Structure formats: C-alpha cells, structure tokens
Amino acid sequence: MAIAITDTTALLRWWHQHQAQVMRRETDFLRNGILQEIIAIRRRLEVTCPLGHNAELSTCEPHLADLSRLYSLLENFCDRLQSPFSLDSLPLALQHTVQPWQARLHLQAHLPTTWPPEPLELTQLLVLWLKALLPVLAETLPYPVATALRLNETDNLKTLTFTVDYEAAIAPTMRQSIEQTVQPFLETFCLFTEAACDVVFQANQFSLKLGWQPTAAVASNHLHASAAHAPPHSRPQTPSC
C-alpha cells in the first residue's frame, strides 16, 4: 500500500481534529441520549407516583433522588470529557475550565463576550493545557497569591496571556514542573497555528503569552509559501508503507 505524505504537520493536525470530533460525538451521545433518557424516566416516575401533600414520604422520593444524583454524576463526567462550549466559544470554554479553580488560585479571568469561531482541536488544546496546569499550581507549594487569564484580539492578532504571582520565589523544582506540564501543549499549538509563544520566569512570577493569527490568515500564509517554494512541475514523493 502506497500513501502520499506531503505534510507531516497537516497529518498531525488531522489526527487532533479526528480525536476532538470523536470526543465531541461521544459527549453529545451522553448529553443528548443518556441524560435525556434519565430526564424522561424521572418524569414518568413523577407521573405514575405523584408526591403526596401529607408528611409521609412517598415511596418514589428515594428513586427520584437516585436519578438526580446519577444525572449530576453523568453531567459532570461529560463536562470533564469536553467543555459544552468547546464548539461554540473559546472564551466560554476557558471560563468553564477555570471556574472550579478560581477561588483556590485567586484567579481572575478577563475574557471577551464575543469571539470569532476557532477550530475545535485548537480550543481543545488550550482547554487541555489549562486542565493540566491548574492542578499543578493548586497542589504545589508555594501557592499562588494571584492568577490572571486574559484573551483579546487586536489588529488581526489573537493573544492569550496567563500570569501567576507568588509571595515567595519560585523554586527550581516548581519551574521544572511547570515547564514539563505546559511544553507539549504549547509546542503542538504553535505547530498548528504558527503561534508565537513566550514563557517567562521571574523571581516570584510565571507568565505565558500566546499570539496567533486567525485560521484563515494562517491558511493563506501557507498557500503563498507553498506557491513560492514549490519547483515547477514538481510532484510529491510517495513513500512505500
């Protein structure tokens, strides 16, 4: 079998797109299938066994409570698999991701109310990066005294900035832990978007900044670059697999 592989980056991006879409379909199945079925069962139970107005508990109440608990567990499981906002809004997906950690990390999220659509795999990468980093910050001494997440777009450049402030100096082991956690996600994101990434450690502060162009602009740059560098009448090599 012969397969033409002309762009490794495109192949890796396809794989991430595929994985993100599979995850979306599975979570949609849970949200729109199983969770809705639990709601339907609860309604049928309420109709066939209505609660009385006397002080005596209905025999249905324990079952209704069990259904509510099961619904909450599955709903939380879906949210952990994939943010319900991943497909619609990067700011909402980021807010949904950091919300459980805001009090613990003294985290302020400065996110716009409107944002142009992002490819699902890019939103998923940023969400996964935060999910990997936030527990490290919350569970490793010293604890942050202030954390900030900012997202904005200016002059056709999207920018995400994340800063963490400490009272004490950041230990070398803490710096190494942060670097090892964020590096794979950031390198992958930069590979897909041609983003510029700055990670800076100061005495008592860690900051990270990502800057990338909208997807259409990146695709246009790739098209012009390919046309400029491709020799006339060239054909891609087809390796044997």
Protein backbone atom coordinates (compact mmCIF):
# COMPACT_ATOMS: atom_id res chain seq x y z
CA MET A 1 0.00 0.00 0.00
CA ALA A 2 1.42 3.39 -1.04
CA ILE A 3 0.41 6.53 0.83
CA ALA A 4 1.44 10.06 -0.16
CA ILE A 5 2.58 12.03 2.91
CA THR A 6 3.36 15.57 1.82
CA ASP A 7 2.90 17.48 5.07
CA THR A 8 3.53 15.92 8.47
CA THR A 9 2.02 18.92 10.25
CA ALA A 10 -1.20 18.53 8.27
CA LEU A 11 -1.32 14.85 9.18
CA LEU A 12 -0.86 15.60 12.89
CA ARG A 13 -3.50 18.29 12.73
CA TRP A 14 -5.89 15.85 11.08
CA TRP A 15 -5.28 13.42 13.93
CA HIS A 16 -6.08 16.06 16.54
CA GLN A 17 -9.19 17.08 14.58
CA HIS A 18 -10.25 13.45 14.44
CA GLN A 19 -9.73 12.91 18.16
CA ALA A 20 -11.58 16.14 19.04
CA GLN A 21 -14.52 15.18 16.82
CA VAL A 22 -14.69 11.67 18.29
CA MET A 23 -14.75 13.15 21.79
CA ARG A 24 -17.46 15.61 20.74
CA ARG A 25 -19.63 12.82 19.33
CA GLU A 26 -19.25 10.73 22.47
CA THR A 27 -20.13 13.61 24.80
CA ASP A 28 -23.06 14.56 22.54
CA PHE A 29 -24.29 10.97 22.82
CA LEU A 30 -24.16 11.22 26.60
CA ARG A 31 -25.75 14.68 26.79
CA ASN A 32 -28.41 14.19 24.13
CA GLY A 33 -29.00 10.48 24.69
CA ILE A 34 -28.40 9.09 28.15
CA LEU A 35 -29.01 12.31 30.10
CA GLN A 36 -32.24 12.97 28.22
CA GLU A 37 -33.36 9.39 28.90
CA ILE A 38 -32.77 9.91 32.64
CA ILE A 39 -34.94 13.04 32.48
CA ALA A 40 -37.69 11.07 30.69
CA ILE A 41 -37.55 8.27 33.28
CA ARG A 42 -37.81 10.81 36.10
CA ARG A 43 -40.86 12.44 34.50
CA ARG A 44 -42.58 9.07 34.02
CA LEU A 45 -41.87 8.20 37.63
CA GLU A 46 -43.29 11.51 38.84
CA VAL A 47 -46.48 10.97 36.80
CA THR A 48 -47.07 7.39 37.91
CA CYS A 49 -46.17 8.03 41.51
CA PRO A 50 -47.00 11.66 42.41
CA LEU A 51 -45.83 13.04 45.71
CA GLY A 52 -48.48 13.38 48.39
CA HIS A 53 -49.18 16.51 50.39
CA ASN A 54 -49.03 14.80 53.74
CA ALA A 55 -45.99 14.46 55.94
CA GLU A 56 -45.40 10.87 54.93
CA LEU A 57 -42.67 10.46 52.33
CA SER A 58 -43.65 8.99 49.00
CA THR A 59 -42.03 5.70 48.08
CA CYS A 60 -40.87 7.38 44.88
CA GLU A 61 -38.74 10.01 46.56
CA PRO A 62 -35.65 7.80 47.09
CA HIS A 63 -35.76 6.76 43.43
CA LEU A 64 -36.13 10.35 42.26
CA ALA A 65 -33.16 11.33 44.42
CA ASP A 66 -31.11 8.47 42.93
CA LEU A 67 -31.97 9.61 39.40
CA SER A 68 -31.00 13.20 40.22
CA ARG A 69 -27.68 12.04 41.65
CA LEU A 70 -26.99 9.83 38.62
CA TYR A 71 -27.83 12.73 36.30
CA SER A 72 -25.39 15.04 38.11
CA LEU A 73 -22.60 12.45 38.00
CA LEU A 74 -23.02 11.87 34.26
CA GLU A 75 -23.31 15.60 33.56
CA ASN A 76 -20.05 16.28 35.43
CA PHE A 77 -18.42 13.39 33.57
CA CYS A 78 -19.46 14.91 30.22
CA ASP A 79 -18.06 18.29 31.24
CA ARG A 80 -14.73 16.69 32.19
CA LEU A 81 -14.56 14.90 28.85
CA GLN A 82 -15.22 18.06 26.87
CA SER A 83 -16.48 21.52 27.73
CA PRO A 84 -20.04 22.05 26.49
CA PHE A 85 -18.78 25.34 24.97
CA SER A 86 -15.79 23.93 23.03
CA LEU A 87 -17.59 24.01 19.70
CA ASP A 88 -19.20 27.43 20.15
CA SER A 89 -16.94 29.80 22.07
CA LEU A 90 -13.30 29.77 23.15
CA PRO A 91 -13.90 32.36 25.93
CA LEU A 92 -16.80 30.33 27.38
CA ALA A 93 -14.79 27.11 27.15
CA LEU A 94 -11.88 28.74 29.00
CA GLN A 95 -14.21 30.21 31.65
CA HIS A 96 -15.85 26.82 32.13
CA THR A 97 -12.41 25.23 32.58
CA VAL A 98 -11.01 27.66 35.14
CA GLN A 99 -14.22 28.19 37.15
CA PRO A 100 -13.63 25.30 39.63
CA TRP A 101 -10.12 26.67 40.36
CA GLN A 102 -10.84 30.39 40.62
CA ALA A 103 -11.23 30.65 44.39
CA ARG A 104 -8.34 28.32 45.16
CA LEU A 105 -5.89 30.08 42.82
CA HIS A 106 -7.26 33.63 43.28
CA LEU A 107 -7.81 33.52 39.55
CA GLN A 108 -9.32 36.39 37.59
CA ALA A 109 -10.49 35.62 34.04
CA HIS A 110 -10.63 38.59 31.66
CA LEU A 111 -12.41 37.13 28.63
CA PRO A 112 -14.34 38.86 25.82
CA THR A 113 -18.06 38.32 25.43
CA THR A 114 -17.72 37.74 21.68
CA TRP A 115 -15.04 35.83 19.81
CA PRO A 116 -14.69 34.50 16.25
CA PRO A 117 -15.02 30.72 15.86
CA GLU A 118 -11.92 28.63 16.47
CA PRO A 119 -11.20 25.13 15.10
CA LEU A 120 -12.37 22.59 17.66
CA GLU A 121 -8.94 20.99 18.02
CA LEU A 122 -7.32 24.34 18.90
CA THR A 123 -9.90 25.11 21.57
CA GLN A 124 -9.47 21.59 22.90
CA LEU A 125 -5.68 22.01 23.10
CA LEU A 126 -6.00 25.20 25.15
CA VAL A 127 -8.58 23.61 27.44
CA LEU A 128 -6.38 20.54 27.96
CA TRP A 129 -3.38 22.76 28.67
CA LEU A 130 -5.29 24.57 31.42
CA LYS A 131 -6.63 21.31 32.84
CA ALA A 132 -3.07 20.00 33.09
CA LEU A 133 -1.53 23.18 34.54
CA LEU A 134 -4.13 24.34 37.09
CA PRO A 135 -3.85 21.26 39.36
CA VAL A 136 -0.05 21.66 39.38
CA LEU A 137 -0.39 25.26 40.55
CA ALA A 138 -3.03 24.37 43.14
CA GLU A 139 -1.25 21.38 44.64
CA THR A 140 2.40 22.52 44.74
CA LEU A 141 3.98 24.89 47.25
CA PRO A 142 4.24 27.83 47.22
CA TYR A 143 0.60 28.57 46.40
CA PRO A 144 -0.22 31.49 44.08
CA VAL A 145 -1.42 34.75 45.58
CA ALA A 146 -2.87 35.96 42.27
CA THR A 147 -3.55 34.38 38.89
CA ALA A 148 -4.89 36.03 35.73
CA LEU A 149 -6.09 34.73 32.38
CA ARG A 150 -6.61 37.23 29.55
CA LEU A 151 -7.81 36.75 25.98
CA ASN A 152 -8.04 39.52 23.38
CA GLU A 153 -7.73 40.25 19.67
CA THR A 154 -6.08 43.34 18.20
CA ASP A 155 -5.00 44.08 14.62
CA ASN A 156 -5.68 40.56 13.37
CA LEU A 157 -3.65 39.02 16.21
CA LYS A 158 -5.20 36.86 18.92
CA THR A 159 -3.43 36.87 22.27
CA LEU A 160 -3.82 34.68 25.34
CA THR A 161 -1.89 35.66 28.46
CA PHE A 162 -1.62 33.70 31.69
CA THR A 163 0.24 35.08 34.73
CA VAL A 164 0.82 33.63 38.20
CA ASP A 165 2.18 35.66 41.13
CA TYR A 166 3.72 34.27 44.31
CA GLU A 167 4.79 35.80 47.59
CA ALA A 168 7.97 33.72 47.71
CA ALA A 169 10.49 32.97 44.98
CA ILE A 170 9.68 30.15 42.57
CA ALA A 171 11.83 27.10 43.37
CA PRO A 172 13.74 25.37 40.53
CA THR A 173 11.69 22.20 41.04
CA MET A 174 8.46 24.20 40.65
CA ARG A 175 9.75 25.83 37.49
CA GLN A 176 10.71 22.44 36.06
CA SER A 177 7.27 21.02 36.88
CA ILE A 178 5.52 23.91 35.13
CA GLU A 179 7.75 23.69 32.06
CA GLN A 180 7.27 19.95 31.71
CA THR A 181 3.50 20.36 32.04
CA VAL A 182 2.96 23.14 29.50
CA GLN A 183 5.63 22.41 26.89
CA PRO A 184 3.92 19.59 24.91
CA PHE A 185 0.63 21.51 24.66
CA LEU A 186 2.30 24.78 23.66
CA GLU A 187 4.57 23.17 21.07
CA THR A 188 1.61 21.43 19.48
CA PHE A 189 -0.46 24.62 19.47
CA CYS A 190 2.40 26.58 17.90
CA LEU A 191 2.91 23.87 15.29
CA PHE A 192 -0.72 24.09 14.21
CA THR A 193 -1.14 27.87 14.30
CA GLU A 194 2.36 29.29 13.75
CA ALA A 195 1.83 30.99 17.11
CA ALA A 196 4.49 32.97 18.94
CA CYS A 197 4.93 31.72 22.49
CA ASP A 198 6.77 33.40 25.36
CA VAL A 199 7.23 31.68 28.73
CA VAL A 200 8.96 33.89 31.29
CA PHE A 201 10.00 33.10 34.86
CA GLN A 202 10.86 35.94 37.20
CA ALA A 203 11.73 35.73 40.89
CA ASN A 204 8.13 35.38 42.06
CA GLN A 205 6.12 35.35 38.84
CA PHE A 206 5.44 32.97 35.97
CA SER A 207 3.91 34.32 32.77
CA LEU A 208 2.93 32.77 29.47
CA LYS A 209 1.82 34.50 26.30
CA LEU A 210 0.47 33.00 23.09
CA GLY A 211 -0.08 35.09 19.97
CA TRP A 212 -1.62 33.68 16.81
CA GLN A 213 -3.37 34.80 13.66
CA PRO A 214 -6.90 33.79 12.71
CA THR A 215 -7.07 30.43 10.96
CA ALA A 216 -7.89 31.97 7.57
CA ALA A 217 -4.77 34.13 7.71
CA VAL A 218 -2.57 31.15 8.60
CA ALA A 219 -4.02 29.10 5.75
CA SER A 220 -3.39 32.00 3.36
CA ASN A 221 0.23 32.26 4.51
CA HIS A 222 0.70 28.52 3.95
CA LEU A 223 -0.75 28.81 0.44
CA HIS A 224 1.55 31.68 -0.55
CA ALA A 225 4.58 30.00 0.98
CA SER A 226 3.89 26.72 -0.84
CA ALA A 227 3.46 28.54 -4.16
CA ALA A 228 6.70 30.47 -3.64
CA HIS A 229 8.84 27.45 -2.77
CA ALA A 230 7.38 24.72 -4.98
CA PRO A 231 9.51 23.98 -8.08
CA PRO A 232 7.69 23.95 -11.42
CA HIS A 233 6.11 20.64 -12.42
CA SER A 234 7.09 19.10 -9.06
CA ARG A 235 5.30 16.06 -7.73
CA PRO A 236 5.16 14.82 -4.15
CA GLN A 237 7.21 11.77 -3.37
CA THR A 238 5.19 8.70 -2.44
CA PRO A 239 6.91 6.57 0.19
CA SER A 240 6.07 2.91 0.48
CA CYS A 241 4.36 1.71 3.63
